[in-house]
PDB file of all heavy atoms in Angstrom:
ATOM      1  N   LEU A   1    -192.015  87.061  71.788  1.00  0.00           N
ATOM      2  CA  LEU A   1    -191.603  85.860  71.062  1.00  0.00           C
ATOM      3  C   LEU A   1    -190.089  85.760  70.982  1.00  0.00           C
ATOM      4  O   LEU A   1    -189.518  84.679  71.125  1.00  0.00           O
ATOM      5  CB  LEU A   1    -192.216  85.851  69.660  1.00  0.00           C
ATOM      6  CG  LEU A   1    -193.725  85.635  69.598  1.00  0.00           C
ATOM      7  CD1 LEU A   1    -194.209  85.702  68.163  1.00  0.00           C
ATOM      8  CD2 LEU A   1    -194.115  84.312  70.225  1.00  0.00           C
ATOM      9  N   TRP A   2    -189.426  86.864  70.758  1.00  0.00           N
ATOM     10  CA  TRP A   2    -187.976  86.861  70.636  1.00  0.00           C
ATOM     11  C   TRP A   2    -187.318  86.514  71.962  1.00  0.00           C
ATOM     12  O   TRP A   2    -186.335  85.787  72.004  1.00  0.00           O
ATOM     13  CB  TRP A   2    -187.487  88.221  70.139  1.00  0.00           C
ATOM     14  CG  TRP A   2    -186.019  88.255  69.924  1.00  0.00           C
ATOM     15  CD1 TRP A   2    -185.086  88.839  70.716  1.00  0.00           C
ATOM     16  CD2 TRP A   2    -185.300  87.649  68.856  1.00  0.00           C
ATOM     17  NE1 TRP A   2    -183.834  88.637  70.209  1.00  0.00           N
ATOM     18  CE2 TRP A   2    -183.938  87.918  69.062  1.00  0.00           C
ATOM     19  CE3 TRP A   2    -185.668  86.918  67.740  1.00  0.00           C
ATOM     20  CZ2 TRP A   2    -182.949  87.474  68.196  1.00  0.00           C
ATOM     21  CZ3 TRP A   2    -184.684  86.484  66.883  1.00  0.00           C
ATOM     22  CH2 TRP A   2    -183.343  86.760  67.109  1.00  0.00           C
ATOM     23  N   SER A   3    -187.875  86.993  73.073  1.00  0.00           N
ATOM     24  CA  SER A   3    -187.242  86.734  74.364  1.00  0.00           C
ATOM     25  C   SER A   3    -187.478  85.304  74.843  1.00  0.00           C
ATOM     26  O   SER A   3    -186.674  84.761  75.591  1.00  0.00           O
ATOM     27  CB  SER A   3    -187.739  87.716  75.416  1.00  0.00           C
ATOM     28  OG  SER A   3    -189.110  87.525  75.678  1.00  0.00           O
ATOM     29  N   HIS A   4    -188.566  84.670  74.416  1.00  0.00           N
ATOM     30  CA  HIS A   4    -188.861  83.313  74.874  1.00  0.00           C
ATOM     31  C   HIS A   4    -188.495  82.235  73.857  1.00  0.00           C
ATOM     32  O   HIS A   4    -188.600  81.061  74.169  1.00  0.00           O
ATOM     33  CB  HIS A   4    -190.345  83.188  75.242  1.00  0.00           C
ATOM     34  CG  HIS A   4    -190.659  83.920  76.500  1.00  0.00           C
ATOM     35  ND1 HIS A   4    -190.232  83.483  77.723  1.00  0.00           N
ATOM     36  CD2 HIS A   4    -191.314  85.079  76.712  1.00  0.00           C
ATOM     37  CE1 HIS A   4    -190.629  84.338  78.641  1.00  0.00           C
ATOM     38  NE2 HIS A   4    -191.287  85.311  78.061  1.00  0.00           N
ATOM     39  N   HIS A   5    -188.054  82.600  72.698  1.00  0.00           N
ATOM     40  CA  HIS A   5    -187.696  81.628  71.667  1.00  0.00           C
ATOM     41  C   HIS A   5    -186.632  80.643  72.154  1.00  0.00           C
ATOM     42  O   HIS A   5    -186.812  79.427  72.012  1.00  0.00           O
ATOM     43  CB  HIS A   5    -187.251  82.344  70.397  1.00  0.00           C
ATOM     44  CG  HIS A   5    -186.937  81.428  69.277  1.00  0.00           C
ATOM     45  ND1 HIS A   5    -185.667  80.948  69.067  1.00  0.00           N
ATOM     46  CD2 HIS A   5    -187.711  80.876  68.326  1.00  0.00           C
ATOM     47  CE1 HIS A   5    -185.680  80.142  68.018  1.00  0.00           C
ATOM     48  NE2 HIS A   5    -186.895  80.087  67.548  1.00  0.00           N
ATOM     49  N   PRO A   6    -185.521  81.095  72.746  1.00  0.00           N
ATOM     50  CA  PRO A   6    -184.521  80.125  73.224  1.00  0.00           C
ATOM     51  C   PRO A   6    -185.054  79.203  74.314  1.00  0.00           C
ATOM     52  O   PRO A   6    -184.706  78.028  74.359  1.00  0.00           O
ATOM     53  CB  PRO A   6    -183.399  81.009  73.768  1.00  0.00           C
ATOM     54  CG  PRO A   6    -183.567  82.304  73.083  1.00  0.00           C
ATOM     55  CD  PRO A   6    -185.044  82.465  72.870  1.00  0.00           C
ATOM     56  N   ALA A   7    -185.911  79.702  75.181  1.00  0.00           N
ATOM     57  CA  ALA A   7    -186.439  78.871  76.265  1.00  0.00           C
ATOM     58  C   ALA A   7    -187.383  77.800  75.727  1.00  0.00           C
ATOM     59  O   ALA A   7    -187.343  76.651  76.160  1.00  0.00           O
ATOM     60  CB  ALA A   7    -187.168  79.743  77.278  1.00  0.00           C
ATOM     61  N   VAL A   8    -188.202  78.161  74.783  1.00  0.00           N
ATOM     62  CA  VAL A   8    -189.164  77.215  74.215  1.00  0.00           C
ATOM     63  C   VAL A   8    -188.453  76.110  73.446  1.00  0.00           C
ATOM     64  O   VAL A   8    -188.822  74.944  73.522  1.00  0.00           O
ATOM     65  CB  VAL A   8    -190.174  77.958  73.302  1.00  0.00           C
ATOM     66  CG1 VAL A   8    -191.010  76.984  72.515  1.00  0.00           C
ATOM     67  CG2 VAL A   8    -191.062  78.864  74.135  1.00  0.00           C
ATOM     68  N   ASN A   9    -187.407  76.469  72.723  1.00  0.00           N
ATOM     69  CA  ASN A   9    -186.684  75.486  71.907  1.00  0.00           C
ATOM     70  C   ASN A   9    -185.519  74.842  72.643  1.00  0.00           C
ATOM     71  O   ASN A   9    -184.718  74.137  72.028  1.00  0.00           O
ATOM     72  CB  ASN A   9    -186.177  76.149  70.625  1.00  0.00           C
ATOM     73  CG  ASN A   9    -187.304  76.487  69.703  1.00  0.00           C
ATOM     74  OD1 ASN A   9    -188.269  75.748  69.606  1.00  0.00           O
ATOM     75  ND2 ASN A   9    -187.203  77.619  69.034  1.00  0.00           N
ATOM     76  N   HIS A  10    -185.413  75.101  73.928  1.00  0.00           N
ATOM     77  CA  HIS A  10    -184.348  74.522  74.747  1.00  0.00           C
ATOM     78  C   HIS A  10    -182.970  74.808  74.160  1.00  0.00           C
ATOM     79  O   HIS A  10    -182.107  73.936  74.098  1.00  0.00           O
ATOM     80  CB  HIS A  10    -184.538  73.010  74.925  1.00  0.00           C
ATOM     81  CG  HIS A  10    -185.891  72.653  75.433  1.00  0.00           C
ATOM     82  ND1 HIS A  10    -186.293  72.931  76.718  1.00  0.00           N
ATOM     83  CD2 HIS A  10    -186.950  72.078  74.828  1.00  0.00           C
ATOM     84  CE1 HIS A  10    -187.532  72.519  76.873  1.00  0.00           C
ATOM     85  NE2 HIS A  10    -187.962  72.001  75.746  1.00  0.00           N
ATOM     86  N   GLU A  11    -182.779  76.052  73.726  1.00  0.00           N
ATOM     87  CA  GLU A  11    -181.496  76.437  73.154  1.00  0.00           C
ATOM     88  C   GLU A  11    -180.619  77.054  74.231  1.00  0.00           C
ATOM     89  O   GLU A  11    -181.099  77.733  75.134  1.00  0.00           O
ATOM     90  CB  GLU A  11    -181.704  77.453  72.030  1.00  0.00           C
ATOM     91  CG  GLU A  11    -182.417  76.876  70.828  1.00  0.00           C
ATOM     92  CD  GLU A  11    -182.712  77.927  69.786  1.00  0.00           C
ATOM     93  OE1 GLU A  11    -182.526  79.117  70.061  1.00  0.00           O
ATOM     94  OE2 GLU A  11    -183.144  77.543  68.689  1.00  0.00           O
ATOM     95  N   ASP A  12    -179.345  76.843  74.097  1.00  0.00           N
ATOM     96  CA  ASP A  12    -178.372  77.430  74.995  1.00  0.00           C
ATOM     97  C   ASP A  12    -177.863  78.705  74.337  1.00  0.00           C
ATOM     98  O   ASP A  12    -177.223  78.658  73.288  1.00  0.00           O
ATOM     99  CB  ASP A  12    -177.233  76.447  75.240  1.00  0.00           C
ATOM    100  CG  ASP A  12    -176.253  76.942  76.266  1.00  0.00           C
ATOM    101  OD1 ASP A  12    -176.423  78.060  76.776  1.00  0.00           O
ATOM    102  OD2 ASP A  12    -175.308  76.190  76.560  1.00  0.00           O
ATOM    103  N   ALA A  13    -178.161  79.852  74.927  1.00  0.00           N
ATOM    104  CA  ALA A  13    -177.771  81.134  74.334  1.00  0.00           C
ATOM    105  C   ALA A  13    -176.256  81.256  74.206  1.00  0.00           C
ATOM    106  O   ALA A  13    -175.761  81.933  73.314  1.00  0.00           O
ATOM    107  CB  ALA A  13    -178.323  82.281  75.170  1.00  0.00           C
ATOM    108  N   ARG A  14    -175.513  80.587  75.052  1.00  0.00           N
ATOM    109  CA  ARG A  14    -174.048  80.656  74.982  1.00  0.00           C
ATOM    110  C   ARG A  14    -173.515  79.983  73.719  1.00  0.00           C
ATOM    111  O   ARG A  14    -172.433  80.285  73.256  1.00  0.00           O
ATOM    112  CB  ARG A  14    -173.432  80.001  76.212  1.00  0.00           C
ATOM    113  CG  ARG A  14    -173.803  80.715  77.493  1.00  0.00           C
ATOM    114  CD  ARG A  14    -173.400  79.901  78.673  1.00  0.00           C
ATOM    115  NE  ARG A  14    -174.189  78.662  78.662  1.00  0.00           N
ATOM    116  CZ  ARG A  14    -173.984  77.643  79.472  1.00  0.00           C
ATOM    117  NH1 ARG A  14    -173.009  77.683  80.347  1.00  0.00           N
ATOM    118  NH2 ARG A  14    -174.746  76.565  79.417  1.00  0.00           N
ATOM    119  N   TYR A  15    -174.269  79.071  73.154  1.00  0.00           N
ATOM    120  CA  TYR A  15    -173.843  78.351  71.962  1.00  0.00           C
ATOM    121  C   TYR A  15    -173.567  79.305  70.811  1.00  0.00           C
ATOM    122  O   TYR A  15    -172.595  79.166  70.094  1.00  0.00           O
ATOM    123  CB  TYR A  15    -174.923  77.339  71.572  1.00  0.00           C
ATOM    124  CG  TYR A  15    -174.751  76.755  70.202  1.00  0.00           C
ATOM    125  CD1 TYR A  15    -173.760  75.826  69.946  1.00  0.00           C
ATOM    126  CD2 TYR A  15    -175.579  77.130  69.160  1.00  0.00           C
ATOM    127  CE1 TYR A  15    -173.605  75.272  68.688  1.00  0.00           C
ATOM    128  CE2 TYR A  15    -175.434  76.587  67.909  1.00  0.00           C
ATOM    129  CZ  TYR A  15    -174.446  75.663  67.678  1.00  0.00           C
ATOM    130  OH  TYR A  15    -174.298  75.139  66.440  1.00  0.00           O
ATOM    131  N   TYR A  16    -174.391  80.323  70.654  1.00  0.00           N
ATOM    132  CA  TYR A  16    -174.253  81.233  69.532  1.00  0.00           C
ATOM    133  C   TYR A  16    -173.093  82.202  69.704  1.00  0.00           C
ATOM    134  O   TYR A  16    -172.690  82.846  68.766  1.00  0.00           O
ATOM    135  CB  TYR A  16    -175.563  81.985  69.311  1.00  0.00           C
ATOM    136  CG  TYR A  16    -176.658  81.042  68.903  1.00  0.00           C
ATOM    137  CD1 TYR A  16    -177.620  80.627  69.809  1.00  0.00           C
ATOM    138  CD2 TYR A  16    -176.694  80.529  67.623  1.00  0.00           C
ATOM    139  CE1 TYR A  16    -178.607  79.731  69.425  1.00  0.00           C
ATOM    140  CE2 TYR A  16    -177.665  79.628  67.241  1.00  0.00           C
ATOM    141  CZ  TYR A  16    -178.626  79.247  68.151  1.00  0.00           C
ATOM    142  OH  TYR A  16    -179.583  78.364  67.791  1.00  0.00           O
ATOM    143  N   ALA A  17    -172.543  82.293  70.894  1.00  0.00           N
ATOM    144  CA  ALA A  17    -171.442  83.212  71.137  1.00  0.00           C
ATOM    145  C   ALA A  17    -170.083  82.579  70.856  1.00  0.00           C
ATOM    146  O   ALA A  17    -169.066  83.174  71.107  1.00  0.00           O
ATOM    147  CB  ALA A  17    -171.497  83.712  72.574  1.00  0.00           C
ATOM    148  N   MET A  18    -170.065  81.362  70.327  1.00  0.00           N
ATOM    149  CA  MET A  18    -168.801  80.678  70.091  1.00  0.00           C
ATOM    150  C   MET A  18    -167.957  81.376  69.031  1.00  0.00           C
ATOM    151  O   MET A  18    -166.748  81.389  69.119  1.00  0.00           O
ATOM    152  CB  MET A  18    -169.054  79.224  69.673  1.00  0.00           C
ATOM    153  CG  MET A  18    -169.572  78.369  70.806  1.00  0.00           C
ATOM    154  SD  MET A  18    -170.102  76.741  70.282  1.00  0.00           S
ATOM    155  CE  MET A  18    -168.619  76.043  69.637  1.00  0.00           C
ATOM    156  N   GLY A  19    -168.571  81.951  68.033  1.00  0.00           N
ATOM    157  CA  GLY A  19    -167.826  82.642  66.994  1.00  0.00           C
ATOM    158  C   GLY A  19    -166.998  81.699  66.149  1.00  0.00           C
ATOM    159  O   GLY A  19    -167.154  80.480  66.163  1.00  0.00           O
ATOM    160  N   ARG A  20    -166.072  82.244  65.393  1.00  0.00           N
ATOM    161  CA  ARG A  20    -165.218  81.438  64.519  1.00  0.00           C
ATOM    162  C   ARG A  20    -164.226  80.598  65.314  1.00  0.00           C
ATOM    163  O   ARG A  20    -163.774  79.568  64.863  1.00  0.00           O
ATOM    164  CB  ARG A  20    -164.475  82.336  63.543  1.00  0.00           C
ATOM    165  CG  ARG A  20    -165.384  82.968  62.528  1.00  0.00           C
ATOM    166  CD  ARG A  20    -164.546  83.614  61.427  1.00  0.00           C
ATOM    167  NE  ARG A  20    -165.398  84.159  60.408  1.00  0.00           N
ATOM    168  CZ  ARG A  20    -165.805  83.503  59.332  1.00  0.00           C
ATOM    169  NH1 ARG A  20    -165.436  82.256  59.160  1.00  0.00           N
ATOM    170  NH2 ARG A  20    -166.565  84.069  58.437  1.00  0.00           N
ATOM    171  N   GLU A  21    -163.865  81.060  66.501  1.00  0.00           N
ATOM    172  CA  GLU A  21    -162.903  80.340  67.315  1.00  0.00           C
ATOM    173  C   GLU A  21    -163.525  79.105  67.954  1.00  0.00           C
ATOM    174  O   GLU A  21    -162.853  78.352  68.646  1.00  0.00           O
ATOM    175  CB  GLU A  21    -162.345  81.237  68.422  1.00  0.00           C
ATOM    176  CG  GLU A  21    -161.591  82.449  67.912  1.00  0.00           C
ATOM    177  CD  GLU A  21    -162.513  83.582  67.492  1.00  0.00           C
ATOM    178  OE1 GLU A  21    -163.596  83.735  68.083  1.00  0.00           O
ATOM    179  OE2 GLU A  21    -162.162  84.294  66.558  1.00  0.00           O
ATOM    180  N   GLY A  22    -164.815  78.879  67.763  1.00  0.00           N
ATOM    181  CA  GLY A  22    -165.521  77.788  68.414  1.00  0.00           C
ATOM    182  C   GLY A  22    -165.281  76.428  67.817  1.00  0.00           C
ATOM    183  O   GLY A  22    -165.746  75.429  68.344  1.00  0.00           O
ATOM    184  N   GLY A  23    -164.573  76.310  66.715  1.00  0.00           N
ATOM    185  CA  GLY A  23    -164.260  75.001  66.171  1.00  0.00           C
ATOM    186  C   GLY A  23    -164.945  74.705  64.853  1.00  0.00           C
ATOM    187  O   GLY A  23    -164.867  73.595  64.354  1.00  0.00           O
ATOM    188  N   GLY A  24    -165.641  75.638  64.288  1.00  0.00           N
ATOM    189  CA  GLY A  24    -166.232  75.438  62.977  1.00  0.00           C
ATOM    190  C   GLY A  24    -167.633  74.849  63.010  1.00  0.00           C
ATOM    191  O   GLY A  24    -168.211  74.566  64.058  1.00  0.00           O
ATOM    192  N   ILE A  25    -168.120  74.611  61.817  1.00  0.00           N
ATOM    193  CA  ILE A  25    -169.513  74.196  61.659  1.00  0.00           C
ATOM    194  C   ILE A  25    -169.766  72.795  62.210  1.00  0.00           C
ATOM    195  O   ILE A  25    -170.816  72.521  62.787  1.00  0.00           O
ATOM    196  CB  ILE A  25    -169.963  74.306  60.194  1.00  0.00           C
ATOM    197  CG1 ILE A  25    -171.474  74.126  60.105  1.00  0.00           C
ATOM    198  CG2 ILE A  25    -169.223  73.312  59.326  1.00  0.00           C
ATOM    199  CD1 ILE A  25    -172.069  74.524  58.783  1.00  0.00           C
ATOM    200  N   TRP A  26    -168.808  71.881  62.063  1.00  0.00           N
ATOM    201  CA  TRP A  26    -169.054  70.504  62.504  1.00  0.00           C
ATOM    202  C   TRP A  26    -169.125  70.413  64.022  1.00  0.00           C
ATOM    203  O   TRP A  26    -169.888  69.616  64.567  1.00  0.00           O
ATOM    204  CB  TRP A  26    -168.017  69.563  61.927  1.00  0.00           C
ATOM    205  CG  TRP A  26    -168.161  69.485  60.441  1.00  0.00           C
ATOM    206  CD1 TRP A  26    -167.267  69.914  59.511  1.00  0.00           C
ATOM    207  CD2 TRP A  26    -169.301  69.022  59.712  1.00  0.00           C
ATOM    208  NE1 TRP A  26    -167.780  69.749  58.245  1.00  0.00           N
ATOM    209  CE2 TRP A  26    -169.031  69.187  58.341  1.00  0.00           C
ATOM    210  CE3 TRP A  26    -170.524  68.490  60.076  1.00  0.00           C
ATOM    211  CZ2 TRP A  26    -169.932  68.835  57.343  1.00  0.00           C
ATOM    212  CZ3 TRP A  26    -171.432  68.135  59.080  1.00  0.00           C
ATOM    213  CH2 TRP A  26    -171.123  68.313  57.743  1.00  0.00           C
ATOM    214  N   LYS A  27    -168.355  71.230  64.707  1.00  0.00           N
ATOM    215  CA  LYS A  27    -168.458  71.258  66.157  1.00  0.00           C
ATOM    216  C   LYS A  27    -169.833  71.807  66.565  1.00  0.00           C
ATOM    217  O   LYS A  27    -170.452  71.314  67.496  1.00  0.00           O
ATOM    218  CB  LYS A  27    -167.359  72.110  66.768  1.00  0.00           C
ATOM    219  CG  LYS A  27    -167.412  72.087  68.290  1.00  0.00           C
ATOM    220  CD  LYS A  27    -166.238  72.782  68.911  1.00  0.00           C
ATOM    221  CE  LYS A  27    -166.356  72.701  70.429  1.00  0.00           C
ATOM    222  NZ  LYS A  27    -165.275  73.382  71.092  1.00  0.00           N
ATOM    223  N   ARG A  28    -170.306  72.808  65.852  1.00  0.00           N
ATOM    224  CA  ARG A  28    -171.626  73.371  66.133  1.00  0.00           C
ATOM    225  C   ARG A  28    -172.730  72.346  65.866  1.00  0.00           C
ATOM    226  O   ARG A  28    -173.667  72.227  66.638  1.00  0.00           O
ATOM    227  CB  ARG A  28    -171.870  74.611  65.298  1.00  0.00           C
ATOM    228  CG  ARG A  28    -171.032  75.785  65.712  1.00  0.00           C
ATOM    229  CD  ARG A  28    -171.231  76.944  64.753  1.00  0.00           C
ATOM    230  NE  ARG A  28    -170.447  78.075  65.140  1.00  0.00           N
ATOM    231  CZ  ARG A  28    -170.934  79.139  65.766  1.00  0.00           C
ATOM    232  NH1 ARG A  28    -172.206  79.187  66.078  1.00  0.00           N
ATOM    233  NH2 ARG A  28    -170.166  80.143  66.081  1.00  0.00           N
ATOM    234  N   VAL A  29    -172.611  71.627  64.771  1.00  0.00           N
ATOM    235  CA  VAL A  29    -173.608  70.596  64.449  1.00  0.00           C
ATOM    236  C   VAL A  29    -173.603  69.512  65.525  1.00  0.00           C
ATOM    237  O   VAL A  29    -174.655  69.087  66.009  1.00  0.00           O
ATOM    238  CB  VAL A  29    -173.356  70.001  63.047  1.00  0.00           C
ATOM    239  CG1 VAL A  29    -174.200  68.762  62.816  1.00  0.00           C
ATOM    240  CG2 VAL A  29    -173.620  71.040  61.973  1.00  0.00           C
ATOM    241  N   GLY A  30    -172.422  69.067  65.911  1.00  0.00           N
ATOM    242  CA  GLY A  30    -172.317  68.047  66.949  1.00  0.00           C
ATOM    243  C   GLY A  30    -172.893  68.519  68.277  1.00  0.00           C
ATOM    244  O   GLY A  30    -173.615  67.788  68.960  1.00  0.00           O
ATOM    245  N   TYR A  31    -172.611  69.770  68.627  1.00  0.00           N
ATOM    246  CA  TYR A  31    -173.140  70.335  69.865  1.00  0.00           C
ATOM    247  C   TYR A  31    -174.661  70.407  69.804  1.00  0.00           C
ATOM    248  O   TYR A  31    -175.354  70.041  70.752  1.00  0.00           O
ATOM    249  CB  TYR A  31    -172.551  71.725  70.099  1.00  0.00           C
ATOM    250  CG  TYR A  31    -173.077  72.395  71.334  1.00  0.00           C
ATOM    251  CD1 TYR A  31    -172.524  72.110  72.581  1.00  0.00           C
ATOM    252  CD2 TYR A  31    -174.122  73.300  71.273  1.00  0.00           C
ATOM    253  CE1 TYR A  31    -173.003  72.714  73.718  1.00  0.00           C
ATOM    254  CE2 TYR A  31    -174.610  73.905  72.401  1.00  0.00           C
ATOM    255  CZ  TYR A  31    -174.042  73.622  73.637  1.00  0.00           C
ATOM    256  OH  TYR A  31    -174.525  74.214  74.759  1.00  0.00           O
ATOM    257  N   SER A  32    -175.165  70.867  68.683  1.00  0.00           N
ATOM    258  CA  SER A  32    -176.609  70.988  68.518  1.00  0.00           C
ATOM    259  C   SER A  32    -177.308  69.627  68.640  1.00  0.00           C
ATOM    260  O   SER A  32    -178.323  69.492  69.324  1.00  0.00           O
ATOM    261  CB  SER A  32    -176.918  71.603  67.156  1.00  0.00           C
ATOM    262  OG  SER A  32    -178.290  71.684  66.923  1.00  0.00           O
ATOM    263  N   LEU A  33    -176.747  68.627  67.981  1.00  0.00           N
ATOM    264  CA  LEU A  33    -177.334  67.289  68.053  1.00  0.00           C
ATOM    265  C   LEU A  33    -177.251  66.709  69.460  1.00  0.00           C
ATOM    266  O   LEU A  33    -178.167  66.008  69.898  1.00  0.00           O
ATOM    267  CB  LEU A  33    -176.663  66.365  67.037  1.00  0.00           C
ATOM    268  CG  LEU A  33    -176.942  66.706  65.567  1.00  0.00           C
ATOM    269  CD1 LEU A  33    -176.100  65.815  64.665  1.00  0.00           C
ATOM    270  CD2 LEU A  33    -178.416  66.562  65.250  1.00  0.00           C
ATOM    271  N   SER A  34    -176.174  66.992  70.168  1.00  0.00           N
ATOM    272  CA  SER A  34    -176.035  66.455  71.517  1.00  0.00           C
ATOM    273  C   SER A  34    -177.053  67.072  72.476  1.00  0.00           C
ATOM    274  O   SER A  34    -177.400  66.483  73.476  1.00  0.00           O
ATOM    275  CB  SER A  34    -174.620  66.696  72.045  1.00  0.00           C
ATOM    276  OG  SER A  34    -174.416  68.054  72.371  1.00  0.00           O
ATOM    277  N   ARG A  35    -177.536  68.262  72.183  1.00  0.00           N
ATOM    278  CA  ARG A  35    -178.497  68.933  73.055  1.00  0.00           C
ATOM    279  C   ARG A  35    -179.940  68.562  72.713  1.00  0.00           C
ATOM    280  O   ARG A  35    -180.839  68.810  73.464  1.00  0.00           O
ATOM    281  CB  ARG A  35    -178.360  70.449  72.968  1.00  0.00           C
ATOM    282  CG  ARG A  35    -177.026  70.959  73.380  1.00  0.00           C
ATOM    283  CD  ARG A  35    -176.781  70.657  74.837  1.00  0.00           C
ATOM    284  NE  ARG A  35    -175.443  70.979  75.204  1.00  0.00           N
ATOM    285  CZ  ARG A  35    -174.643  70.219  75.906  1.00  0.00           C
ATOM    286  NH1 ARG A  35    -175.047  69.055  76.320  1.00  0.00           N
ATOM    287  NH2 ARG A  35    -173.437  70.589  76.214  1.00  0.00           N
ATOM    288  N   ARG A  36    -180.167  68.026  71.548  1.00  0.00           N
ATOM    289  CA  ARG A  36    -181.510  67.683  71.105  1.00  0.00           C
ATOM    290  C   ARG A  36    -182.014  66.392  71.734  1.00  0.00           C
ATOM    291  O   ARG A  36    -183.184  66.246  72.010  1.00  0.00           O
ATOM    292  CB  ARG A  36    -181.540  67.522  69.592  1.00  0.00           C
ATOM    293  CG  ARG A  36    -182.101  68.587  68.753  1.00  0.00           C
ATOM    294  CD  ARG A  36    -183.241  69.247  69.379  1.00  0.00           C
ATOM    295  NE  ARG A  36    -183.854  70.172  68.464  1.00  0.00           N
ATOM    296  CZ  ARG A  36    -184.622  71.138  68.838  1.00  0.00           C
ATOM    297  NH1 ARG A  36    -184.877  71.329  70.098  1.00  0.00           N
ATOM    298  NH2 ARG A  36    -185.162  71.926  67.979  1.00  0.00           N
TER     299      ARG A  36
END
């Protein structure tokens, strides 16, 4: 389940590696919505 969770939910594993330098929560929210 853990290995297939990102594939089933169409998640980009690279998204979670952005860290604090990624632009903050609003950039993450915007990215998430754009992928949905």
